[in-house]
Amino acid sequence: MNTATSSIWTTAEAARSATPLEHNPACDVCVVGGGIAGLTTAYLLLKEGKRVIVLDAKPAVASGETEHTTAHLAWYLDDTFGHLASVRGDDVARAAAASHRGAIDLIEQIVRDEQIDCDFQRVGGTLFPGADGPKALDDEEQVLKRLGLEFERTRVTFPGGQAVDALRFPGHGRFHPIKYLAKLTAAIRDRGGVIHTNTVVEKVRGGDPCKVTTTHGHAVSAAAVVVATNNPFEAGTPMHNKVAAYNTYAVAVEIPKGSYPGGLLWDTEDPYHYVRVQPGDAHDHLIVGGEDHKTGQAHDQPQRWDRLLAWTKERFPQAGAVRHHWSGQVFETPDGLGFIGLAPWNGPNVFMVTGDSGMGMTHGTLAGRLLTDLVQGRPNELAAVYSPSRLVPGAIKTLLGENLNMAAQYTDWLTGGDVKRAEDIPPGHGAVVRTGLTKLAVYKDEKGALTTLSAVCPHMGCIVRWNPGEATWDCPCHGSRFQADGTCVHGPATFDMKPAEAKE
């Protein structure tokens, strides 16, 4: 498989780009982050008459994790209703189902109101057993019956001939996320919203007013701030202990036009596989994802795409050429629901959304509606369901396991390097090399030239690890990612890796 990764959604939409922030404006609400959560929130607040400024670190909005999704619009939860009900109770599980269904309804409404051509379509969703057998499916069926959620028991036959029992859910959907958000960005500007890209936010401080400071020294003064950056940036150090960063992988393969009916599919394996189709002109594209692992805690990234492709061709023999393969990053929470609401550690009037738990498109959309109510001072029954301050005693085992895993990564300070000398690194690869009391992150390009950086993540001091699948340095503690030259491409870090000669 070609080593260069690309998302199927990557498009050059002029509306997504803007100029950097170069002054010190004031507004009613400053939204930090231009993905689906931030843009939906901005759009809804503008409709209510608020003056809104959106700041995004990348050259174009929606070019972070929103561009690396598989764009399932699902109300069935990735982490299952059985898990949520067991740790939060049946009422919360029912509320979560209703809120995600409401998110799909809201996307459909915005598509209609703004006349957005983004391939939106309602489809069914189907859960089927994986290699783990039928028990997980049977257990989930009992929970769904108890909760009174809409589904039917059915049977699915794959084009490869495999026939399995399954649970089918109505009211799911699919769309092209970048076409959708490019038009939503235009609608934001039409309503007077201001967008600045290439603008990295360094600090967010609550108050009356709040202050949002960028790495270039400019600041926005706002009555309220919404931090919608996918990762728990500026949400307080304790929030990093409540989410866990995972990488997930996807391939898009050509299939004959109309050869797959187009519903969403998931299996019960852990990690699970997920499938959808994206219509094309001469061909359709089958998008298959899975092979998740903790960010920075794997060394076989290229093989994970190979395994996904093998799984796909076994079930879909019509699968042809791989046109795109990429990875995304999700932040998991102990109960599988996002953290949406007042940020607990930033002072008054600062709100946040993080912890998409694999449900980024619907979590981000329902966050827009919930955060609009909270900024406006309106009560919303979902505030307690998604509160960032919530405690989940029923999921303490999961939370403790993730925190022990995070703490264990700091022992990398005590170990040797991946190789003893930079000369041992193959061209086109990177490795961590110990030198005295510290470690260096060394990348050797195809011509043998070296880029030598401190291997210490600038976020909270973990030792980064080389990702051979995408030629990045990944932090195994909190999920920050950097290009081979040290440029930060994903937070929570907001600074680049330091040159080797810089002092820690």
Protein backbone atom coordinates (compact mmCIF):
# COMPACT_ATOMS: atom_id res chain seq x y z
CA MET A 1 0.00 0.00 0.00
CA ASN A 2 1.27 3.51 -0.83
CA THR A 3 2.89 5.06 2.22
CA ALA A 4 1.43 8.55 1.61
CA THR A 5 -1.80 8.90 3.57
CA SER A 6 -4.75 11.03 2.47
CA SER A 7 -8.32 11.45 3.63
CA ILE A 8 -11.15 10.85 1.17
CA TRP A 9 -12.69 14.14 2.35
CA THR A 10 -9.78 16.43 1.48
CA THR A 11 -11.06 19.17 -0.83
CA ALA A 12 -9.84 22.65 -1.71
CA GLU A 13 -12.75 24.83 -0.62
CA ALA A 14 -11.83 28.54 -0.60
CA ALA A 15 -14.46 29.29 2.05
CA ARG A 16 -12.50 27.26 4.60
CA SER A 17 -9.45 29.55 4.61
CA ALA A 18 -9.05 32.94 6.29
CA THR A 19 -6.40 35.36 7.49
CA PRO A 20 -4.63 35.00 10.85
CA LEU A 21 -5.68 37.15 13.81
CA GLU A 22 -3.53 40.29 13.76
CA HIS A 23 -5.37 42.63 16.12
CA ASN A 24 -7.17 42.56 19.50
CA PRO A 25 -10.93 42.43 18.85
CA ALA A 26 -13.90 42.07 21.19
CA CYS A 27 -17.00 39.96 20.68
CA ASP A 28 -19.83 38.22 22.51
CA VAL A 29 -18.45 34.69 22.03
CA CYS A 30 -15.01 33.50 20.94
CA VAL A 31 -15.02 29.93 19.61
CA VAL A 32 -11.62 28.21 19.70
CA GLY A 33 -11.57 25.40 17.13
CA GLY A 34 -13.10 25.25 13.65
CA GLY A 35 -14.25 21.64 13.43
CA ILE A 36 -17.85 20.48 13.39
CA ALA A 37 -18.38 21.33 17.08
CA GLY A 38 -16.97 24.84 16.85
CA LEU A 39 -18.63 25.75 13.56
CA THR A 40 -22.03 24.39 14.62
CA THR A 41 -21.83 26.35 17.87
CA ALA A 42 -20.83 29.54 16.01
CA TYR A 43 -23.64 29.13 13.49
CA LEU A 44 -26.34 28.61 16.14
CA LEU A 45 -25.11 31.52 18.29
CA LEU A 46 -25.06 33.84 15.27
CA LYS A 47 -28.66 32.87 14.52
CA GLU A 48 -29.49 34.16 18.00
CA GLY A 49 -27.82 37.50 17.36
CA LYS A 50 -24.46 36.97 19.06
CA ARG A 51 -21.24 38.50 17.70
CA VAL A 52 -18.93 35.51 17.17
CA ILE A 53 -15.24 35.11 16.33
CA VAL A 54 -13.86 31.66 15.42
CA LEU A 55 -10.12 30.94 15.81
CA ASP A 56 -8.51 27.86 14.26
CA ALA A 57 -4.86 26.78 14.40
CA LYS A 58 -4.78 25.20 10.95
CA PRO A 59 -4.68 26.89 7.52
CA ALA A 60 -8.34 25.98 6.93
CA VAL A 61 -11.28 25.19 9.17
CA ALA A 62 -12.45 21.57 9.36
CA SER A 63 -8.97 20.30 8.46
CA GLY A 64 -8.27 18.66 11.81
CA GLU A 65 -10.03 15.54 13.04
CA THR A 66 -13.24 16.51 11.25
CA GLU A 67 -11.38 15.91 7.99
CA HIS A 68 -10.15 12.54 9.26
CA THR A 69 -13.49 11.08 10.28
CA THR A 70 -15.39 8.39 8.40
CA ALA A 71 -18.47 10.63 8.78
CA HIS A 72 -20.95 8.18 10.24
CA LEU A 73 -24.07 9.96 11.46
CA ALA A 74 -25.13 7.51 14.11
CA TRP A 75 -27.23 7.53 17.25
CA TYR A 76 -26.17 4.01 18.22
CA LEU A 77 -23.22 4.53 20.56
CA ASP A 78 -19.74 3.22 19.74
CA ASP A 79 -19.28 2.09 23.33
CA THR A 80 -22.74 0.44 23.37
CA PHE A 81 -25.86 1.26 25.33
CA GLY A 82 -25.17 -1.74 27.52
CA HIS A 83 -21.96 -0.10 28.77
CA LEU A 84 -23.53 3.33 29.25
CA ALA A 85 -26.55 1.97 31.09
CA SER A 86 -24.34 -0.09 33.39
CA VAL A 87 -22.23 2.92 34.46
CA ARG A 88 -24.74 5.82 34.24
CA GLY A 89 -28.17 4.22 34.42
CA ASP A 90 -31.06 3.71 32.01
CA ASP A 91 -32.30 7.31 32.03
CA VAL A 92 -28.93 8.64 30.89
CA ALA A 93 -28.75 5.97 28.20
CA ARG A 94 -32.17 6.99 26.85
CA ALA A 95 -31.18 10.67 26.95
CA ALA A 96 -27.98 9.92 25.05
CA ALA A 97 -29.89 8.08 22.33
CA ALA A 98 -32.37 10.95 21.97
CA SER A 99 -29.62 13.58 21.87
CA HIS A 100 -27.67 11.82 19.12
CA ARG A 101 -30.86 11.32 17.11
CA GLY A 102 -31.51 15.01 17.61
CA ALA A 103 -28.04 15.80 16.28
CA ILE A 104 -28.77 13.95 13.01
CA ASP A 105 -32.07 15.83 12.79
CA LEU A 106 -30.24 19.14 13.28
CA ILE A 107 -27.75 18.36 10.49
CA GLU A 108 -30.65 17.49 8.20
CA GLN A 109 -32.38 20.75 9.13
CA ILE A 110 -29.24 22.83 8.46
CA VAL A 111 -28.72 21.05 5.13
CA ARG A 112 -32.28 21.98 4.18
CA ASP A 113 -32.20 25.57 5.53
CA GLU A 114 -28.85 26.45 3.95
CA GLN A 115 -29.43 24.36 0.80
CA ILE A 116 -26.17 22.44 1.27
CA ASP A 117 -25.23 19.84 -1.36
CA CYS A 118 -23.21 17.42 0.78
CA ASP A 119 -24.52 13.95 -0.14
CA PHE A 120 -26.67 13.83 3.00
CA GLN A 121 -28.81 10.71 3.12
CA ARG A 122 -30.76 8.86 5.77
CA VAL A 123 -29.67 5.22 6.09
CA GLY A 124 -30.04 2.38 8.54
CA GLY A 125 -27.37 1.21 10.95
CA THR A 126 -26.55 -2.44 11.60
CA LEU A 127 -24.64 -4.10 14.46
CA PHE A 128 -23.38 -7.64 13.78
CA PRO A 129 -21.18 -10.15 15.63
CA GLY A 130 -17.47 -10.20 15.04
CA ALA A 131 -14.95 -12.92 15.81
CA ASP A 132 -15.99 -12.62 19.47
CA GLY A 133 -19.21 -14.50 18.71
CA PRO A 134 -22.91 -13.73 19.22
CA LYS A 135 -23.02 -13.22 23.00
CA ALA A 136 -22.24 -9.48 22.86
CA LEU A 137 -25.03 -9.01 20.32
CA ASP A 138 -27.51 -10.96 22.44
CA ASP A 139 -26.58 -9.02 25.58
CA GLU A 140 -27.00 -5.68 23.79
CA GLU A 141 -30.38 -6.76 22.47
CA GLN A 142 -31.67 -7.28 26.00
CA VAL A 143 -30.50 -3.82 27.06
CA LEU A 144 -32.10 -2.18 24.02
CA LYS A 145 -35.42 -3.87 24.81
CA ARG A 146 -35.27 -2.66 28.40
CA LEU A 147 -34.51 0.90 27.29
CA GLY A 148 -37.32 0.87 24.75
CA LEU A 149 -35.04 1.95 21.89
CA GLU A 150 -36.06 1.34 18.29
CA PHE A 151 -34.41 -1.62 16.55
CA GLU A 152 -35.16 -4.97 14.92
CA ARG A 153 -33.46 -8.35 14.92
CA THR A 154 -32.47 -9.28 11.39
CA ARG A 155 -29.95 -11.22 9.36
CA VAL A 156 -27.23 -9.81 7.13
CA THR A 157 -25.49 -11.56 4.24
CA PHE A 158 -22.26 -10.00 3.02
CA PRO A 159 -21.27 -10.09 -0.66
CA GLY A 160 -18.54 -12.52 0.39
CA GLY A 161 -21.24 -14.99 1.47
CA GLN A 162 -20.98 -14.64 5.26
CA ALA A 163 -24.43 -14.61 6.86
CA VAL A 164 -24.87 -13.39 10.45
CA ASP A 165 -27.61 -12.35 12.85
CA ALA A 166 -27.69 -8.60 13.41
CA LEU A 167 -29.51 -5.71 15.05
CA ARG A 168 -30.73 -2.98 12.71
CA PHE A 169 -31.48 0.61 13.75
CA PRO A 170 -33.43 3.20 11.75
CA GLY A 171 -32.70 6.90 11.44
CA HIS A 172 -28.95 6.98 10.94
CA GLY A 173 -27.29 8.98 8.17
CA ARG A 174 -24.22 9.81 6.12
CA PHE A 175 -22.82 12.92 4.44
CA HIS A 176 -19.68 14.55 3.07
CA PRO A 177 -18.40 16.45 6.13
CA ILE A 178 -16.19 18.95 4.29
CA LYS A 179 -18.83 19.91 1.73
CA TYR A 180 -21.20 20.40 4.65
CA LEU A 181 -18.83 22.50 6.74
CA ALA A 182 -17.57 24.58 3.83
CA LYS A 183 -21.13 25.77 3.25
CA LEU A 184 -21.72 26.18 6.99
CA THR A 185 -18.61 28.38 7.09
CA ALA A 186 -20.07 30.53 4.32
CA ALA A 187 -23.34 30.77 6.26
CA ILE A 188 -21.40 31.89 9.35
CA ARG A 189 -19.78 34.70 7.37
CA ASP A 190 -23.13 35.67 5.82
CA ARG A 191 -24.46 36.21 9.35
CA GLY A 192 -21.54 38.43 10.35
CA GLY A 193 -19.32 35.81 11.95
CA VAL A 194 -15.55 36.36 11.78
CA ILE A 195 -13.11 33.48 11.18
CA HIS A 196 -9.34 33.52 11.59
CA THR A 197 -7.19 30.52 10.59
CA ASN A 198 -3.46 29.94 11.17
CA THR A 199 -4.14 31.27 14.67
CA VAL A 200 -2.84 29.15 17.54
CA VAL A 201 -4.43 29.88 20.91
CA GLU A 202 -2.06 29.67 23.85
CA LYS A 203 -4.23 30.62 26.83
CA VAL A 204 -7.90 30.92 27.69
CA ARG A 205 -8.84 32.75 30.88
CA GLY A 206 -12.37 33.09 32.12
CA GLY A 207 -13.83 36.24 33.60
CA ASP A 208 -16.00 39.20 32.74
CA PRO A 209 -14.76 39.55 30.08
CA CYS A 210 -12.82 36.40 29.16
CA LYS A 211 -9.45 36.67 27.42
CA VAL A 212 -8.15 34.40 24.63
CA THR A 213 -4.43 34.86 23.90
CA THR A 214 -2.62 33.56 20.80
CA THR A 215 0.99 32.47 20.44
CA HIS A 216 1.66 35.67 18.44
CA GLY A 217 0.56 37.85 21.34
CA HIS A 218 -2.83 38.98 20.06
CA ALA A 219 -5.91 38.54 22.23
CA VAL A 220 -9.68 38.37 21.89
CA SER A 221 -11.90 39.79 24.60
CA ALA A 222 -15.25 38.01 24.87
CA ALA A 223 -18.22 37.68 27.18
CA ALA A 224 -17.94 33.90 26.77
CA VAL A 225 -15.49 31.41 25.25
CA VAL A 226 -16.17 27.98 23.75
CA VAL A 227 -13.14 25.67 23.50
CA ALA A 228 -13.95 23.14 20.77
CA THR A 229 -10.54 21.71 19.86
CA ASN A 230 -11.22 17.93 19.90
CA ASN A 231 -8.45 17.49 22.45
CA PRO A 232 -8.87 18.79 26.03
CA PHE A 233 -6.81 21.94 25.38
CA GLU A 234 -6.94 24.53 28.17
CA ALA A 235 -9.49 22.53 30.13
CA GLY A 236 -7.28 22.09 33.17
CA THR A 237 -4.74 19.35 33.82
CA PRO A 238 -7.26 17.08 35.60
CA MET A 239 -9.26 16.79 32.38
CA HIS A 240 -6.31 14.99 30.77
CA ASN A 241 -6.89 12.25 33.34
CA LYS A 242 -10.51 11.86 32.24
CA VAL A 243 -9.91 11.21 28.52
CA ALA A 244 -7.67 8.80 26.62
CA ALA A 245 -6.32 9.38 23.11
CA TYR A 246 -6.71 6.60 20.53
CA ASN A 247 -5.78 6.33 16.86
CA THR A 248 -8.24 4.70 14.48
CA TYR A 249 -7.53 3.67 10.87
CA ALA A 250 -9.54 3.86 7.66
CA VAL A 251 -9.34 2.79 4.02
CA ALA A 252 -11.48 3.89 1.08
CA VAL A 253 -11.65 1.32 -1.72
CA GLU A 254 -13.38 1.49 -5.08
CA ILE A 255 -16.48 -0.66 -5.56
CA PRO A 256 -18.80 -0.85 -8.59
CA LYS A 257 -21.47 1.81 -8.65
CA GLY A 258 -24.52 0.72 -6.67
CA SER A 259 -23.00 -2.60 -5.53
CA TYR A 260 -23.54 -1.83 -1.83
CA PRO A 261 -26.90 -0.54 -0.55
CA GLY A 262 -25.34 2.13 1.62
CA GLY A 263 -26.22 1.52 5.27
CA LEU A 264 -23.82 1.84 8.20
CA LEU A 265 -22.28 -1.32 9.66
CA TRP A 266 -20.40 -2.07 12.91
CA ASP A 267 -19.29 -5.31 14.50
CA THR A 268 -18.93 -6.23 18.17
CA GLU A 269 -15.17 -6.85 18.19
CA ASP A 270 -12.81 -4.82 20.36
CA PRO A 271 -11.49 -2.86 18.56
CA TYR A 272 -14.46 -2.99 16.25
CA HIS A 273 -14.80 -2.53 12.48
CA TYR A 274 -17.11 0.04 10.92
CA VAL A 275 -18.29 0.38 7.33
CA ARG A 276 -20.12 2.87 5.12
CA VAL A 277 -20.27 3.82 1.44
CA GLN A 278 -19.58 7.19 -0.18
CA PRO A 279 -21.20 7.62 -3.60
CA GLY A 280 -18.98 8.67 -6.49
CA ASP A 281 -19.26 9.32 -10.21
CA ALA A 282 -17.71 6.33 -11.99
CA HIS A 283 -17.34 4.28 -8.77
CA ASP A 284 -18.58 4.27 -5.22
CA HIS A 285 -16.12 4.12 -2.35
CA LEU A 286 -16.43 1.64 0.50
CA ILE A 287 -14.98 3.21 3.66
CA VAL A 288 -13.87 0.76 6.33
CA GLY A 289 -12.35 1.67 9.67
CA GLY A 290 -10.95 0.00 12.77
CA GLU A 291 -7.66 -1.34 14.20
CA ASP A 292 -7.70 1.25 17.03
CA HIS A 293 -4.89 1.59 19.57
CA LYS A 294 -3.71 4.09 22.17
CA THR A 295 -1.95 6.98 20.45
CA GLY A 296 1.80 6.50 20.47
CA GLN A 297 1.51 2.93 21.71
CA ALA A 298 1.96 0.89 18.54
CA HIS A 299 4.76 0.26 16.07
CA ASP A 300 2.85 -1.54 13.31
CA GLN A 301 0.73 1.25 11.82
CA PRO A 302 1.33 0.22 8.17
CA GLN A 303 0.21 -3.34 8.92
CA ARG A 304 -3.03 -2.07 10.45
CA TRP A 305 -4.19 -0.69 7.09
CA ASP A 306 -3.19 -4.02 5.51
CA ARG A 307 -5.32 -5.91 8.04
CA LEU A 308 -8.26 -3.59 7.40
CA LEU A 309 -7.98 -4.23 3.68
CA ALA A 310 -7.83 -8.01 4.19
CA TRP A 311 -10.93 -7.86 6.43
CA THR A 312 -12.71 -5.79 3.79
CA LYS A 313 -11.91 -8.04 0.83
CA GLU A 314 -13.01 -11.14 2.73
CA ARG A 315 -16.50 -9.67 3.16
CA PHE A 316 -16.67 -7.46 0.07
CA PRO A 317 -14.96 -9.31 -2.82
CA GLN A 318 -15.94 -6.48 -5.18
CA ALA A 319 -13.49 -4.19 -3.35
CA GLY A 320 -11.00 -2.80 -5.84
CA ALA A 321 -8.19 -0.26 -5.67
CA VAL A 322 -7.41 1.55 -2.42
CA ARG A 323 -7.83 5.24 -3.24
CA HIS A 324 -7.26 6.65 0.24
CA HIS A 325 -6.00 5.45 3.57
CA TRP A 326 -5.64 7.58 6.68
CA SER A 327 -5.98 7.66 10.44
CA GLY A 328 -7.98 9.77 12.85
CA GLN A 329 -7.78 10.39 16.54
CA VAL A 330 -10.54 10.05 19.10
CA PHE A 331 -10.60 10.92 22.79
CA GLU A 332 -12.39 8.25 24.80
CA THR A 333 -14.23 8.92 28.07
CA PRO A 334 -15.02 6.37 30.80
CA ASP A 335 -18.72 6.24 29.94
CA GLY A 336 -18.53 6.85 26.19
CA LEU A 337 -20.20 10.29 26.25
CA GLY A 338 -18.53 13.60 25.48
CA PHE A 339 -17.65 16.30 28.00
CA ILE A 340 -19.77 19.29 27.01
CA GLY A 341 -20.42 22.28 29.23
CA LEU A 342 -18.75 24.69 31.64
CA ALA A 343 -14.99 24.11 31.77
CA PRO A 344 -14.24 23.27 35.41
CA TRP A 345 -10.81 24.89 35.71
CA ASN A 346 -10.74 27.99 33.48
CA GLY A 347 -12.80 30.48 35.46
CA PRO A 348 -16.29 31.78 34.69
CA ASN A 349 -17.87 31.92 31.23
CA VAL A 350 -15.58 29.35 29.58
CA PHE A 351 -17.28 26.33 27.98
CA MET A 352 -15.77 23.27 26.38
CA VAL A 353 -16.39 20.14 24.32
CA THR A 354 -14.07 17.13 24.14
CA GLY A 355 -14.20 13.36 24.46
CA ASP A 356 -15.98 12.48 21.22
CA SER A 357 -15.56 8.73 21.95
CA GLY A 358 -15.77 7.89 18.25
CA MET A 359 -19.05 9.81 17.82
CA GLY A 360 -17.49 13.04 16.60
CA MET A 361 -20.07 14.10 14.03
CA THR A 362 -23.06 13.76 16.33
CA HIS A 363 -21.26 14.73 19.56
CA GLY A 364 -19.97 17.87 17.84
CA THR A 365 -23.43 18.75 16.53
CA LEU A 366 -25.35 18.18 19.75
CA ALA A 367 -22.61 20.16 21.52
CA GLY A 368 -23.48 23.14 19.35
CA ARG A 369 -27.07 23.05 20.50
CA LEU A 370 -26.24 22.41 24.18
CA LEU A 371 -23.50 25.05 24.34
CA THR A 372 -25.74 27.64 22.70
CA ASP A 373 -28.29 27.11 25.47
CA LEU A 374 -25.62 27.31 28.18
CA VAL A 375 -24.06 30.49 26.77
CA GLN A 376 -27.53 32.03 26.58
CA GLY A 377 -28.27 31.02 30.18
CA ARG A 378 -31.08 28.67 29.22
CA PRO A 379 -31.68 25.40 31.09
CA ASN A 380 -31.05 22.22 29.15
CA GLU A 381 -31.77 18.76 30.54
CA LEU A 382 -28.67 17.41 28.79
CA ALA A 383 -26.33 19.64 30.82
CA ALA A 384 -26.00 17.03 33.58
CA VAL A 385 -25.69 14.16 31.08
CA TYR A 386 -22.65 15.71 29.38
CA SER A 387 -21.21 17.86 32.20
CA PRO A 388 -17.37 17.99 32.20
CA SER A 389 -17.49 17.97 36.00
CA ARG A 390 -19.46 14.74 36.23
CA LEU A 391 -18.20 11.78 38.22
CA VAL A 392 -18.77 8.25 36.95
CA PRO A 393 -18.26 5.87 39.89
CA GLY A 394 -19.56 2.98 37.81
CA ALA A 395 -16.66 3.40 35.37
CA ILE A 396 -13.90 3.80 37.97
CA LYS A 397 -12.19 0.61 36.79
CA THR A 398 -11.95 1.96 33.23
CA LEU A 399 -10.74 5.35 34.44
CA LEU A 400 -8.14 3.83 36.74
CA GLY A 401 -6.85 1.54 34.00
CA GLU A 402 -6.41 4.43 31.56
CA ASN A 403 -4.61 6.54 34.18
CA LEU A 404 -2.26 3.72 35.11
CA ASN A 405 -1.48 3.27 31.42
CA MET A 406 -0.78 7.00 31.09
CA ALA A 407 1.51 7.05 34.13
CA ALA A 408 3.41 4.02 32.87
CA GLN A 409 4.48 5.90 29.73
CA TYR A 410 6.68 8.21 31.80
CA THR A 411 8.98 5.26 32.54
CA ASP A 412 10.36 5.86 29.02
CA TRP A 413 12.62 8.40 30.73
CA LEU A 414 14.44 5.48 32.35
CA THR A 415 14.87 3.21 29.35
CA GLY A 416 17.37 3.13 26.50
CA GLY A 417 16.67 4.43 23.03
CA ASP A 418 15.13 2.67 20.05
CA VAL A 419 18.63 2.52 18.55
CA LYS A 420 22.06 3.28 19.99
CA ARG A 421 23.19 5.66 17.26
CA ALA A 422 21.55 7.87 14.65
CA GLU A 423 23.56 5.99 12.02
CA ASP A 424 21.40 2.93 12.73
CA ILE A 425 18.19 4.65 11.61
CA PRO A 426 17.03 3.62 8.09
CA PRO A 427 16.42 6.44 5.60
CA GLY A 428 12.86 7.78 5.79
CA HIS A 429 12.43 6.75 9.43
CA GLY A 430 12.76 8.17 12.91
CA ALA A 431 13.90 6.77 16.24
CA VAL A 432 14.49 7.87 19.80
CA VAL A 433 18.15 7.94 20.83
CA ARG A 434 19.34 8.27 24.42
CA THR A 435 22.08 10.80 25.08
CA GLY A 436 23.14 11.17 28.69
CA LEU A 437 20.17 11.98 30.92
CA THR A 438 17.81 12.87 28.12
CA LYS A 439 16.49 11.50 24.83
CA LEU A 440 16.54 12.80 21.28
CA ALA A 441 13.99 12.31 18.52
CA VAL A 442 16.02 11.80 15.35
CA TYR A 443 14.55 11.66 11.84
CA LYS A 444 16.64 10.63 8.82
CA ASP A 445 15.25 11.66 5.44
CA GLU A 446 15.63 9.63 2.24
CA LYS A 447 18.92 11.39 1.45
CA GLY A 448 20.36 10.69 4.90
CA ALA A 449 20.01 14.20 6.34
CA LEU A 450 19.14 14.24 10.06
CA THR A 451 16.62 16.32 11.99
CA THR A 452 17.43 16.09 15.69
CA LEU A 453 14.92 17.27 18.29
CA SER A 454 14.32 16.88 21.99
CA ALA A 455 12.15 13.78 22.42
CA VAL A 456 10.31 15.46 25.29
CA CYS A 457 6.72 16.36 24.40
CA PRO A 458 6.28 20.12 25.03
CA HIS A 459 2.86 19.50 26.56
CA MET A 460 3.58 17.61 29.80
CA GLY A 461 7.02 16.05 29.39
CA CYS A 462 6.29 12.56 28.07
CA ILE A 463 8.74 10.93 25.64
CA VAL A 464 7.37 10.85 22.07
CA ARG A 465 7.48 7.77 19.84
CA TRP A 466 7.93 7.39 16.09
CA ASN A 467 4.89 6.53 14.00
CA PRO A 468 6.17 4.74 10.84
CA GLY A 469 2.76 4.79 9.18
CA GLU A 470 2.47 8.57 8.95
CA ALA A 471 6.03 9.74 9.69
CA THR A 472 5.02 11.57 12.86
CA TRP A 473 6.16 11.79 16.46
CA ASP A 474 3.26 10.77 18.72
CA CYS A 475 2.90 11.33 22.46
CA PRO A 476 1.79 8.13 24.25
CA CYS A 477 0.54 10.04 27.31
CA HIS A 478 -1.95 12.63 26.06
CA GLY A 479 -2.09 12.21 22.28
CA SER A 480 -0.17 15.20 20.91
CA ARG A 481 1.27 14.60 17.44
CA PHE A 482 4.10 16.28 15.54
CA GLN A 483 5.51 16.15 12.02
CA ALA A 484 8.96 14.68 11.50
CA ASP A 485 10.43 18.20 11.76
CA GLY A 486 8.72 18.74 15.12
CA THR A 487 5.83 20.91 13.92
CA CYS A 488 2.77 20.36 16.10
CA VAL A 489 -0.16 18.97 14.10
CA HIS A 490 -2.47 17.87 16.92
CA GLY A 491 -2.87 18.94 20.55
CA PRO A 492 -3.23 19.17 23.41
CA ALA A 493 0.29 20.54 22.82
CA THR A 494 0.26 24.07 21.40
CA PHE A 495 4.00 24.37 20.76
CA ASP A 496 6.39 22.57 18.41
CA MET A 497 9.00 20.12 19.65
CA LYS A 498 12.23 21.83 20.76
CA PRO A 499 15.49 21.60 18.84
CA ALA A 500 17.97 19.22 20.44
CA GLU A 501 20.22 22.00 21.63
CA ALA A 502 17.45 23.71 23.58
CA LYS A 503 17.46 23.17 27.33
CA GLU A 504 14.50 21.43 28.89
